[in-house]
Amino acid sequence: MAKKRGPKMMWVPPAEKAIQFKVALRYIRPLIWRRLLLPDNFTLGQLHDVIQVTMGWYNCHMHSFRIGGVYYTSQTASEW
């Protein structure tokens, strides 16, 4: 299945399962959140892209993911 990502098309292999995520902004009231249902084979980069779209953002800030105390970030952000 091809997924549209910007001007290019990228192939995503079929997933075995779906994972439900709840993305919430901290320190903001009222709470702003989105529920996402994504394939279990998505990368963190793909998750980042989906979050950008669902929150209406324009990918103009550095970001990172923290999983079990380990931080994952883009190469650009890690160079800072």
C-alpha atoms as a PDB file:
ATOM      1  CA  MET A   1       0.000   0.000   0.000  1.00  0.00           C
ATOM      2  CA  ALA A   2       1.378   3.413  -0.882  1.00  0.00           C
ATOM      3  CA  LYS A   3       1.005   6.263   1.576  1.00  0.00           C
ATOM      4  CA  LYS A   4       1.227   9.848   0.387  1.00  0.00           C
ATOM      5  CA  ARG A   5       3.950  11.785   2.178  1.00  0.00           C
ATOM      6  CA  GLY A   6       4.641  15.186   0.725  1.00  0.00           C
ATOM      7  CA  PRO A   7       5.335  15.027  -3.000  1.00  0.00           C
ATOM      8  CA  LYS A   8       6.664  11.449  -2.816  1.00  0.00           C
ATOM      9  CA  MET A   9       4.893   8.135  -2.397  1.00  0.00           C
ATOM     10  CA  MET A  10       6.315   5.628   0.056  1.00  0.00           C
ATOM     11  CA  TRP A  11       5.566   1.960   0.388  1.00  0.00           C
ATOM     12  CA  VAL A  12       4.419   0.668   3.770  1.00  0.00           C
ATOM     13  CA  PRO A  13       4.323  -3.117   4.262  1.00  0.00           C
ATOM     14  CA  PRO A  14       1.079  -4.584   5.611  1.00  0.00           C
ATOM     15  CA  ALA A  15       0.735  -4.405   9.378  1.00  0.00           C
ATOM     16  CA  GLU A  16      -0.184  -7.336  11.575  1.00  0.00           C
ATOM     17  CA  LYS A  17      -1.925  -5.237  14.237  1.00  0.00           C
ATOM     18  CA  ALA A  18      -2.989  -1.710  14.999  1.00  0.00           C
ATOM     19  CA  ILE A  19      -1.861   0.261  18.034  1.00  0.00           C
ATOM     20  CA  GLN A  20      -3.996   2.942  19.661  1.00  0.00           C
ATOM     21  CA  PHE A  21      -2.173   6.055  20.880  1.00  0.00           C
ATOM     22  CA  LYS A  22      -3.440   8.979  22.906  1.00  0.00           C
ATOM     23  CA  VAL A  23      -1.402  12.109  22.225  1.00  0.00           C
ATOM     24  CA  ALA A  24      -1.972  14.894  24.760  1.00  0.00           C
ATOM     25  CA  LEU A  25      -0.352  18.289  25.216  1.00  0.00           C
ATOM     26  CA  ARG A  26       1.027  18.827  28.689  1.00  0.00           C
ATOM     27  CA  TYR A  27       0.578  22.003  30.738  1.00  0.00           C
ATOM     28  CA  ILE A  28      -2.423  23.206  28.714  1.00  0.00           C
ATOM     29  CA  ARG A  29      -5.970  23.566  29.984  1.00  0.00           C
ATOM     30  CA  PRO A  30      -8.416  22.602  28.668  1.00  0.00           C
ATOM     31  CA  LEU A  31      -6.670  19.401  27.686  1.00  0.00           C
ATOM     32  CA  ILE A  32      -5.907  19.101  23.967  1.00  0.00           C
ATOM     33  CA  TRP A  33      -5.537  15.522  22.771  1.00  0.00           C
ATOM     34  CA  ARG A  34      -5.945  13.191  19.807  1.00  0.00           C
ATOM     35  CA  ARG A  35      -6.543   9.453  19.626  1.00  0.00           C
ATOM     36  CA  LEU A  36      -4.603   7.738  16.833  1.00  0.00           C
ATOM     37  CA  LEU A  37      -4.979   4.217  15.492  1.00  0.00           C
ATOM     38  CA  LEU A  38      -1.814   3.293  13.606  1.00  0.00           C
ATOM     39  CA  PRO A  39      -0.225   0.174  12.108  1.00  0.00           C
ATOM     40  CA  ASP A  40       2.169  -1.675  14.414  1.00  0.00           C
ATOM     41  CA  ASN A  41       4.974  -1.345  11.862  1.00  0.00           C
ATOM     42  CA  PHE A  42       5.078   2.463  11.776  1.00  0.00           C
ATOM     43  CA  THR A  43       8.440   4.049  12.543  1.00  0.00           C
ATOM     44  CA  LEU A  44       8.873   6.926  14.981  1.00  0.00           C
ATOM     45  CA  GLY A  45       9.421   9.156  11.946  1.00  0.00           C
ATOM     46  CA  GLN A  46       6.042   8.130  10.562  1.00  0.00           C
ATOM     47  CA  LEU A  47       4.437   8.619  13.974  1.00  0.00           C
ATOM     48  CA  HIS A  48       5.927  12.118  14.054  1.00  0.00           C
ATOM     49  CA  ASP A  49       4.435  12.880  10.624  1.00  0.00           C
ATOM     50  CA  VAL A  50       0.972  11.716  11.729  1.00  0.00           C
ATOM     51  CA  ILE A  51       1.145  13.785  14.924  1.00  0.00           C
ATOM     52  CA  GLN A  52       2.053  16.875  12.870  1.00  0.00           C
ATOM     53  CA  VAL A  53      -0.986  16.432  10.650  1.00  0.00           C
ATOM     54  CA  THR A  54      -3.486  15.512  13.364  1.00  0.00           C
ATOM     55  CA  MET A  55      -2.477  18.434  15.586  1.00  0.00           C
ATOM     56  CA  GLY A  56      -2.457  20.900  12.675  1.00  0.00           C
ATOM     57  CA  TRP A  57       1.249  21.661  13.092  1.00  0.00           C
ATOM     58  CA  TYR A  58       3.784  22.591  10.429  1.00  0.00           C
ATOM     59  CA  ASN A  59       6.880  20.620  11.528  1.00  0.00           C
ATOM     60  CA  CYS A  60       8.715  23.763  12.608  1.00  0.00           C
ATOM     61  CA  HIS A  61       9.972  22.689  16.064  1.00  0.00           C
ATOM     62  CA  MET A  62      12.481  20.098  17.162  1.00  0.00           C
ATOM     63  CA  HIS A  63      11.041  17.038  18.827  1.00  0.00           C
ATOM     64  CA  SER A  64      11.981  13.831  20.565  1.00  0.00           C
ATOM     65  CA  PHE A  65      10.291  10.683  21.801  1.00  0.00           C
ATOM     66  CA  ARG A  66      11.082   9.197  25.197  1.00  0.00           C
ATOM     67  CA  ILE A  67      10.552   5.470  25.529  1.00  0.00           C
ATOM     68  CA  GLY A  68      11.577   3.767  28.746  1.00  0.00           C
ATOM     69  CA  GLY A  69      13.950   6.588  29.666  1.00  0.00           C
ATOM     70  CA  VAL A  70      15.685   6.557  26.249  1.00  0.00           C
ATOM     71  CA  TYR A  71      15.302   9.603  24.010  1.00  0.00           C
ATOM     72  CA  TYR A  72      14.888   9.287  20.256  1.00  0.00           C
ATOM     73  CA  THR A  73      15.151  12.366  18.067  1.00  0.00           C
ATOM     74  CA  SER A  74      15.949  13.469  14.530  1.00  0.00           C
ATOM     75  CA  GLN A  75      19.553  13.896  13.445  1.00  0.00           C
ATOM     76  CA  THR A  76      19.000  17.653  13.079  1.00  0.00           C
ATOM     77  CA  ALA A  77      17.780  17.981  16.654  1.00  0.00           C
ATOM     78  CA  SER A  78      20.571  15.804  18.043  1.00  0.00           C
ATOM     79  CA  GLU A  79      23.194  18.032  16.354  1.00  0.00           C
ATOM     80  CA  TRP A  80      21.901  20.976  18.412  1.00  0.00           C
END
